[in-house]
Amino acid sequence: MSYETVQKFLASIDLFEGLPDEVLSDLANRGTTLITQPGTPVVEQGSSGAGLQVVLAGSAEVSVNGIPRAPLAVGDFFGEISLIDGLPRSASIVTGPDGMTTFALSPLAFAPVVKENPTVAQALLKALCARIRALEANATGPA
C-alpha cells in the first residue's frame, strides 16, 4: 500500500479522525506495513510487545482469557492500550483465513507525535473512552 493511501486510510478511522494532514503524514512516515499469513498469531495475551496496528486488509480473531471477542476487520485497530502504558498485551490475536495486512506504529515512533501534537492525544483519549463505554454497555450485572 502506498504512503498516500496509508495516510488517507488513517484519516478515515476513528482513532485519527479529524487530525491535520501534516500529522497524518508524519504518522504514515513513522510506521510500517506488515503482512501476516492466515492463522498466524500476531499478539499473545500477556506478552510484552507494544505497538499499535491498524487493519488495512484481511481480518483476525480476538480472544481475552480464552474467550472469543468480536473479530477485527478493515479499519479496526489494536495495541493502543499497550502503546500508551507499555504493559503486557490484554488480548490474543490470530489472523483470519485471508491473512492480514496492518499499518504498525511502535511506541518509540508514536511518542514524539503525541508530544508535538496534542490533537493526537485527544483523538486517542476519545477512542479509548468509546471503547470503555462500549464495554460498560455490554457488561452484565451492577456497575
N, C-alpha and C. Protein backbone atom coordinates (compact mmCIF):
# COMPACT_ATOMS: atom_id res chain seq x y z
N MET A 1 0.85 -1.17 0.00
CA MET A 1 0.00 0.00 0.00
C MET A 1 0.90 1.24 0.00
N SER A 2 0.57 2.19 -0.82
CA SER A 2 1.42 3.38 -0.94
C SER A 2 1.27 4.29 0.28
N TYR A 3 2.27 5.14 0.45
CA TYR A 3 2.28 6.09 1.56
C TYR A 3 1.02 6.96 1.54
N GLU A 4 0.65 7.49 0.36
CA GLU A 4 -0.51 8.36 0.25
C GLU A 4 -1.78 7.61 0.65
N THR A 5 -1.87 6.36 0.26
CA THR A 5 -3.05 5.55 0.58
C THR A 5 -3.11 5.28 2.08
N VAL A 6 -1.98 5.00 2.70
CA VAL A 6 -1.96 4.78 4.15
C VAL A 6 -2.41 6.04 4.87
N GLN A 7 -1.92 7.18 4.45
CA GLN A 7 -2.32 8.44 5.08
C GLN A 7 -3.82 8.66 4.96
N LYS A 8 -4.40 8.43 3.79
CA LYS A 8 -5.84 8.59 3.60
C LYS A 8 -6.61 7.58 4.45
N PHE A 9 -6.09 6.37 4.51
CA PHE A 9 -6.75 5.33 5.31
C PHE A 9 -6.76 5.72 6.79
N LEU A 10 -5.62 6.18 7.29
CA LEU A 10 -5.53 6.60 8.70
C LEU A 10 -6.54 7.71 8.99
N ALA A 11 -6.73 8.61 8.06
CA ALA A 11 -7.67 9.72 8.25
C ALA A 11 -9.11 9.22 8.36
N SER A 12 -9.37 8.02 7.85
CA SER A 12 -10.75 7.51 7.83
C SER A 12 -11.15 6.73 9.08
N ILE A 13 -10.20 6.41 9.97
CA ILE A 13 -10.56 5.63 11.15
C ILE A 13 -10.75 6.54 12.36
N ASP A 14 -11.58 6.11 13.29
CA ASP A 14 -11.94 6.97 14.42
C ASP A 14 -10.76 7.36 15.30
N LEU A 15 -9.74 6.56 15.36
CA LEU A 15 -8.59 6.86 16.20
C LEU A 15 -7.87 8.13 15.74
N PHE A 16 -7.84 8.36 14.43
CA PHE A 16 -7.12 9.50 13.88
C PHE A 16 -8.03 10.50 13.17
N GLU A 17 -9.32 10.33 13.34
CA GLU A 17 -10.30 11.18 12.69
C GLU A 17 -10.09 12.66 13.07
N GLY A 18 -10.10 13.51 12.06
CA GLY A 18 -10.00 14.94 12.30
C GLY A 18 -8.60 15.48 12.51
N LEU A 19 -7.58 14.62 12.44
CA LEU A 19 -6.21 15.11 12.60
C LEU A 19 -5.77 15.86 11.34
N PRO A 20 -4.97 16.89 11.50
CA PRO A 20 -4.47 17.63 10.34
C PRO A 20 -3.65 16.74 9.40
N ASP A 21 -3.65 17.08 8.13
CA ASP A 21 -2.91 16.29 7.13
C ASP A 21 -1.44 16.13 7.47
N GLU A 22 -0.83 17.18 8.02
CA GLU A 22 0.61 17.09 8.32
C GLU A 22 0.88 16.07 9.43
N VAL A 23 -0.05 15.93 10.38
CA VAL A 23 0.11 14.94 11.45
C VAL A 23 -0.09 13.53 10.88
N LEU A 24 -1.10 13.37 10.03
CA LEU A 24 -1.32 12.08 9.39
C LEU A 24 -0.13 11.69 8.53
N SER A 25 0.46 12.64 7.85
CA SER A 25 1.63 12.38 7.04
C SER A 25 2.80 11.93 7.91
N ASP A 26 2.97 12.61 9.04
CA ASP A 26 4.03 12.24 9.98
C ASP A 26 3.83 10.82 10.50
N LEU A 27 2.59 10.48 10.87
CA LEU A 27 2.30 9.12 11.35
C LEU A 27 2.59 8.09 10.27
N ALA A 28 2.13 8.36 9.06
CA ALA A 28 2.35 7.41 7.95
C ALA A 28 3.83 7.19 7.70
N ASN A 29 4.63 8.25 7.83
CA ASN A 29 6.08 8.13 7.63
C ASN A 29 6.76 7.34 8.73
N ARG A 30 6.22 7.37 9.93
CA ARG A 30 6.86 6.73 11.08
C ARG A 30 6.52 5.24 11.22
N GLY A 31 5.47 4.79 10.54
CA GLY A 31 5.03 3.40 10.67
C GLY A 31 5.51 2.53 9.53
N THR A 32 5.07 1.29 9.58
CA THR A 32 5.43 0.32 8.54
C THR A 32 4.22 -0.57 8.25
N THR A 33 4.23 -1.18 7.09
CA THR A 33 3.15 -2.10 6.72
C THR A 33 3.62 -3.53 6.96
N LEU A 34 2.79 -4.29 7.65
CA LEU A 34 3.10 -5.70 7.94
C LEU A 34 2.08 -6.60 7.25
N ILE A 35 2.57 -7.68 6.65
CA ILE A 35 1.69 -8.67 6.04
C ILE A 35 1.86 -9.97 6.81
N THR A 36 0.75 -10.50 7.33
CA THR A 36 0.79 -11.71 8.14
C THR A 36 -0.07 -12.79 7.47
N GLN A 37 0.48 -13.99 7.38
CA GLN A 37 -0.18 -15.11 6.72
C GLN A 37 -1.39 -15.60 7.53
N PRO A 38 -2.34 -16.30 6.89
CA PRO A 38 -3.52 -16.82 7.59
C PRO A 38 -3.16 -17.72 8.77
N GLY A 39 -3.94 -17.59 9.85
CA GLY A 39 -3.78 -18.45 11.02
C GLY A 39 -2.55 -18.16 11.86
N THR A 40 -1.92 -17.06 11.65
CA THR A 40 -0.70 -16.72 12.38
C THR A 40 -1.00 -15.90 13.63
N PRO A 41 -0.46 -16.31 14.79
CA PRO A 41 -0.62 -15.47 15.98
C PRO A 41 0.11 -14.15 15.77
N VAL A 42 -0.58 -13.04 16.03
CA VAL A 42 0.00 -11.71 15.88
C VAL A 42 0.39 -11.17 17.24
N VAL A 43 -0.48 -11.39 18.21
CA VAL A 43 -0.27 -10.91 19.57
C VAL A 43 -0.74 -12.00 20.52
N GLU A 44 0.03 -12.21 21.59
CA GLU A 44 -0.39 -13.17 22.61
C GLU A 44 -0.66 -12.42 23.90
N GLN A 45 -1.83 -12.69 24.48
CA GLN A 45 -2.20 -12.03 25.73
C GLN A 45 -1.10 -12.26 26.76
N GLY A 46 -0.71 -11.18 27.44
CA GLY A 46 0.32 -11.27 28.45
C GLY A 46 1.73 -11.03 27.93
N SER A 47 1.90 -11.01 26.60
CA SER A 47 3.23 -10.78 26.05
C SER A 47 3.63 -9.31 26.21
N SER A 48 4.91 -9.05 26.09
CA SER A 48 5.41 -7.71 26.38
C SER A 48 5.48 -6.80 25.17
N GLY A 49 5.22 -7.28 23.99
CA GLY A 49 5.31 -6.44 22.80
C GLY A 49 4.30 -5.30 22.85
N ALA A 50 4.72 -4.14 22.42
CA ALA A 50 3.82 -2.99 22.41
C ALA A 50 3.80 -2.41 21.00
N GLY A 51 2.78 -1.67 20.72
CA GLY A 51 2.66 -1.02 19.42
C GLY A 51 1.25 -1.11 18.90
N LEU A 52 0.89 -0.13 18.14
CA LEU A 52 -0.44 -0.02 17.54
C LEU A 52 -0.41 -0.65 16.15
N GLN A 53 -1.47 -1.37 15.80
CA GLN A 53 -1.63 -1.87 14.45
C GLN A 53 -3.05 -1.55 13.99
N VAL A 54 -3.15 -1.05 12.76
CA VAL A 54 -4.43 -0.74 12.13
C VAL A 54 -4.62 -1.72 10.98
N VAL A 55 -5.78 -2.39 10.94
CA VAL A 55 -6.04 -3.39 9.91
C VAL A 55 -6.35 -2.69 8.58
N LEU A 56 -5.48 -2.94 7.59
CA LEU A 56 -5.65 -2.38 6.25
C LEU A 56 -6.38 -3.34 5.33
N ALA A 57 -6.17 -4.65 5.55
CA ALA A 57 -6.81 -5.69 4.73
C ALA A 57 -6.85 -6.97 5.55
N GLY A 58 -7.85 -7.82 5.27
CA GLY A 58 -7.97 -9.09 5.97
C GLY A 58 -8.75 -8.97 7.26
N SER A 59 -8.51 -9.94 8.14
CA SER A 59 -9.24 -10.00 9.40
C SER A 59 -8.43 -10.77 10.43
N ALA A 60 -8.94 -10.75 11.68
CA ALA A 60 -8.28 -11.50 12.74
C ALA A 60 -9.30 -11.87 13.80
N GLU A 61 -9.01 -12.97 14.48
CA GLU A 61 -9.82 -13.42 15.61
C GLU A 61 -9.19 -12.89 16.89
N VAL A 62 -10.02 -12.49 17.84
CA VAL A 62 -9.56 -11.92 19.10
C VAL A 62 -10.10 -12.76 20.25
N SER A 63 -9.26 -12.99 21.26
CA SER A 63 -9.73 -13.66 22.48
C SER A 63 -9.08 -13.01 23.69
N VAL A 64 -9.84 -12.98 24.77
CA VAL A 64 -9.34 -12.46 26.04
C VAL A 64 -9.60 -13.54 27.08
N ASN A 65 -8.54 -14.00 27.72
CA ASN A 65 -8.63 -15.10 28.68
C ASN A 65 -9.30 -16.32 28.05
N GLY A 66 -9.02 -16.56 26.77
CA GLY A 66 -9.56 -17.71 26.05
C GLY A 66 -10.99 -17.54 25.57
N ILE A 67 -11.61 -16.41 25.85
CA ILE A 67 -12.99 -16.16 25.44
C ILE A 67 -12.99 -15.34 24.16
N PRO A 68 -13.64 -15.85 23.09
CA PRO A 68 -13.66 -15.11 21.83
C PRO A 68 -14.36 -13.76 21.99
N ARG A 69 -13.82 -12.78 21.31
CA ARG A 69 -14.40 -11.43 21.26
C ARG A 69 -14.72 -11.12 19.81
N ALA A 70 -15.25 -9.95 19.56
CA ALA A 70 -15.58 -9.56 18.19
C ALA A 70 -14.30 -9.59 17.34
N PRO A 71 -14.41 -10.14 16.13
CA PRO A 71 -13.23 -10.20 15.27
C PRO A 71 -12.84 -8.81 14.77
N LEU A 72 -11.61 -8.69 14.32
CA LEU A 72 -11.11 -7.45 13.74
C LEU A 72 -11.29 -7.49 12.24
N ALA A 73 -11.65 -6.35 11.66
CA ALA A 73 -11.83 -6.22 10.22
C ALA A 73 -11.13 -4.94 9.76
N VAL A 74 -11.19 -4.67 8.49
CA VAL A 74 -10.56 -3.48 7.93
C VAL A 74 -11.04 -2.23 8.66
N GLY A 75 -10.08 -1.40 9.08
CA GLY A 75 -10.40 -0.17 9.80
C GLY A 75 -10.33 -0.31 11.31
N ASP A 76 -10.32 -1.54 11.80
CA ASP A 76 -10.17 -1.76 13.24
C ASP A 76 -8.70 -1.63 13.62
N PHE A 77 -8.45 -1.45 14.89
CA PHE A 77 -7.07 -1.32 15.36
C PHE A 77 -6.93 -2.01 16.69
N PHE A 78 -5.68 -2.33 17.04
CA PHE A 78 -5.40 -2.96 18.33
C PHE A 78 -4.00 -2.51 18.78
N GLY A 79 -3.77 -2.63 20.07
CA GLY A 79 -2.48 -2.27 20.62
C GLY A 79 -2.40 -0.85 21.15
N GLU A 80 -3.51 -0.12 21.06
CA GLU A 80 -3.48 1.26 21.53
C GLU A 80 -3.28 1.37 23.03
N ILE A 81 -3.72 0.37 23.77
CA ILE A 81 -3.55 0.41 25.23
C ILE A 81 -2.08 0.19 25.59
N SER A 82 -1.47 -0.85 25.04
CA SER A 82 -0.06 -1.10 25.34
C SER A 82 0.84 -0.02 24.74
N LEU A 83 0.38 0.62 23.67
CA LEU A 83 1.13 1.73 23.09
C LEU A 83 1.28 2.86 24.11
N ILE A 84 0.26 3.05 24.92
CA ILE A 84 0.26 4.13 25.90
C ILE A 84 0.94 3.72 27.20
N ASP A 85 0.53 2.57 27.75
CA ASP A 85 1.03 2.23 29.09
C ASP A 85 2.23 1.29 29.09
N GLY A 86 2.56 0.66 27.97
CA GLY A 86 3.72 -0.22 27.90
C GLY A 86 3.56 -1.53 28.65
N LEU A 87 2.37 -1.79 29.16
CA LEU A 87 2.13 -3.03 29.91
C LEU A 87 1.83 -4.18 28.95
N PRO A 88 1.83 -5.42 29.45
CA PRO A 88 1.59 -6.58 28.58
C PRO A 88 0.25 -6.50 27.84
N ARG A 89 0.21 -7.20 26.74
CA ARG A 89 -0.98 -7.24 25.87
C ARG A 89 -2.19 -7.78 26.62
N SER A 90 -3.36 -7.20 26.34
CA SER A 90 -4.58 -7.57 27.05
C SER A 90 -5.44 -8.56 26.27
N ALA A 91 -5.01 -8.97 25.07
CA ALA A 91 -5.77 -9.91 24.26
C ALA A 91 -4.82 -10.71 23.37
N SER A 92 -5.32 -11.82 22.86
CA SER A 92 -4.60 -12.60 21.86
C SER A 92 -5.27 -12.38 20.52
N ILE A 93 -4.45 -12.29 19.46
CA ILE A 93 -4.98 -12.02 18.12
C ILE A 93 -4.32 -12.98 17.14
N VAL A 94 -5.16 -13.66 16.33
CA VAL A 94 -4.70 -14.60 15.31
C VAL A 94 -5.33 -14.19 13.99
N THR A 95 -4.52 -14.13 12.93
CA THR A 95 -5.05 -13.71 11.63
C THR A 95 -6.12 -14.67 11.13
N GLY A 96 -7.04 -14.10 10.34
CA GLY A 96 -8.15 -14.86 9.78
C GLY A 96 -7.74 -15.66 8.56
N PRO A 97 -8.73 -16.22 7.85
CA PRO A 97 -8.46 -17.13 6.73
C PRO A 97 -7.76 -16.48 5.53
N ASP A 98 -7.83 -15.16 5.41
CA ASP A 98 -7.17 -14.48 4.29
C ASP A 98 -5.89 -13.77 4.73
N GLY A 99 -5.47 -14.01 5.97
CA GLY A 99 -4.32 -13.30 6.48
C GLY A 99 -4.71 -11.87 6.83
N MET A 100 -3.70 -11.03 7.03
CA MET A 100 -3.99 -9.66 7.43
C MET A 100 -2.82 -8.76 7.07
N THR A 101 -3.17 -7.56 6.60
CA THR A 101 -2.17 -6.52 6.36
C THR A 101 -2.49 -5.39 7.33
N THR A 102 -1.46 -4.94 8.06
CA THR A 102 -1.67 -3.88 9.04
C THR A 102 -0.64 -2.77 8.85
N PHE A 103 -1.01 -1.60 9.32
CA PHE A 103 -0.09 -0.49 9.47
C PHE A 103 0.33 -0.52 10.93
N ALA A 104 1.64 -0.61 11.19
CA ALA A 104 2.14 -0.75 12.56
C ALA A 104 2.94 0.48 12.97
N LEU A 105 2.73 0.88 14.22
CA LEU A 105 3.41 2.05 14.76
C LEU A 105 3.94 1.69 16.15
N SER A 106 5.24 1.81 16.34
CA SER A 106 5.86 1.47 17.63
C SER A 106 5.70 2.61 18.62
N PRO A 107 5.83 2.31 19.91
CA PRO A 107 5.77 3.38 20.92
C PRO A 107 6.87 4.44 20.71
N LEU A 108 8.05 4.02 20.29
CA LEU A 108 9.14 4.98 20.05
C LEU A 108 8.81 5.94 18.90
N ALA A 109 8.12 5.43 17.90
CA ALA A 109 7.74 6.28 16.77
C ALA A 109 6.54 7.16 17.11
N PHE A 110 5.66 6.67 17.97
CA PHE A 110 4.41 7.37 18.29
C PHE A 110 4.60 8.48 19.31
N ALA A 111 5.46 8.27 20.30
CA ALA A 111 5.62 9.23 21.40
C ALA A 111 5.93 10.66 20.95
N PRO A 112 6.86 10.87 20.02
CA PRO A 112 7.14 12.25 19.61
C PRO A 112 5.95 12.92 18.93
N VAL A 113 5.16 12.14 18.20
CA VAL A 113 4.00 12.70 17.52
C VAL A 113 2.99 13.21 18.54
N VAL A 114 2.79 12.45 19.60
CA VAL A 114 1.85 12.86 20.66
C VAL A 114 2.37 14.10 21.37
N LYS A 115 3.65 14.12 21.68
CA LYS A 115 4.23 15.27 22.39
C LYS A 115 4.14 16.55 21.58
N GLU A 116 4.31 16.43 20.27
CA GLU A 116 4.30 17.60 19.40
C GLU A 116 2.90 18.00 18.94
N ASN A 117 1.92 17.10 19.10
CA ASN A 117 0.57 17.35 18.58
C ASN A 117 -0.49 16.91 19.58
N PRO A 118 -0.93 17.81 20.45
CA PRO A 118 -1.94 17.45 21.44
C PRO A 118 -3.23 16.89 20.83
N THR A 119 -3.51 17.21 19.57
CA THR A 119 -4.72 16.68 18.94
C THR A 119 -4.66 15.16 18.82
N VAL A 120 -3.45 14.61 18.71
CA VAL A 120 -3.31 13.15 18.64
C VAL A 120 -3.73 12.53 19.97
N ALA A 121 -3.28 13.12 21.07
CA ALA A 121 -3.65 12.62 22.39
C ALA A 121 -5.16 12.72 22.60
N GLN A 122 -5.75 13.82 22.16
CA GLN A 122 -7.20 13.98 22.30
C GLN A 122 -7.96 12.92 21.50
N ALA A 123 -7.51 12.65 20.28
CA ALA A 123 -8.16 11.63 19.45
C ALA A 123 -8.04 10.26 20.10
N LEU A 124 -6.87 9.97 20.64
CA LEU A 124 -6.65 8.69 21.30
C LEU A 124 -7.53 8.55 22.54
N LEU A 125 -7.63 9.61 23.32
CA LEU A 125 -8.50 9.58 24.50
C LEU A 125 -9.95 9.35 24.11
N LYS A 126 -10.42 9.99 23.06
CA LYS A 126 -11.80 9.79 22.61
C LYS A 126 -12.04 8.34 22.21
N ALA A 127 -11.08 7.76 21.47
CA ALA A 127 -11.23 6.37 21.03
C ALA A 127 -11.24 5.42 22.22
N LEU A 128 -10.37 5.67 23.20
CA LEU A 128 -10.33 4.81 24.39
C LEU A 128 -11.61 4.96 25.21
N CYS A 129 -12.11 6.17 25.33
CA CYS A 129 -13.37 6.39 26.06
C CYS A 129 -14.52 5.66 25.37
N ALA A 130 -14.54 5.69 24.05
CA ALA A 130 -15.59 4.98 23.31
C ALA A 130 -15.53 3.49 23.59
N ARG A 131 -14.31 2.95 23.66
CA ARG A 131 -14.17 1.52 23.96
C ARG A 131 -14.63 1.21 25.38
N ILE A 132 -14.29 2.06 26.33
CA ILE A 132 -14.73 1.85 27.72
C ILE A 132 -16.25 1.88 27.80
N ARG A 133 -16.86 2.86 27.15
CA ARG A 133 -18.34 2.96 27.17
C ARG A 133 -18.98 1.72 26.54
N ALA A 134 -18.40 1.24 25.44
CA ALA A 134 -18.93 0.05 24.80
C ALA A 134 -18.82 -1.17 25.71
N LEU A 135 -17.69 -1.29 26.40
CA LEU A 135 -17.52 -2.40 27.33
C LEU A 135 -18.52 -2.32 28.48
N GLU A 136 -18.70 -1.12 29.01
CA GLU A 136 -19.65 -0.94 30.10
C GLU A 136 -21.07 -1.23 29.66
N ALA A 137 -21.40 -0.85 28.45
CA ALA A 137 -22.76 -1.09 27.93
C ALA A 137 -23.02 -2.58 27.75
N ASN A 138 -21.97 -3.33 27.45
CA ASN A 138 -22.12 -4.77 27.22
C ASN A 138 -21.91 -5.60 28.49
N ALA A 139 -21.48 -4.95 29.57
CA ALA A 139 -21.23 -5.68 30.83
C ALA A 139 -22.55 -6.12 31.45
N THR A 140 -22.49 -7.26 32.09
CA THR A 140 -23.68 -7.74 32.80
C THR A 140 -23.49 -7.52 34.28
N GLY A 141 -24.58 -7.33 34.98
CA GLY A 141 -24.52 -7.13 36.42
C GLY A 141 -24.45 -5.67 36.79
N PRO A 142 -24.47 -5.39 38.09
CA PRO A 142 -24.45 -4.00 38.54
C PRO A 142 -23.13 -3.33 38.24
N ALA A 143 -23.19 -2.02 37.99
CA ALA A 143 -21.98 -1.27 37.67
C ALA A 143 -21.28 -0.79 38.92
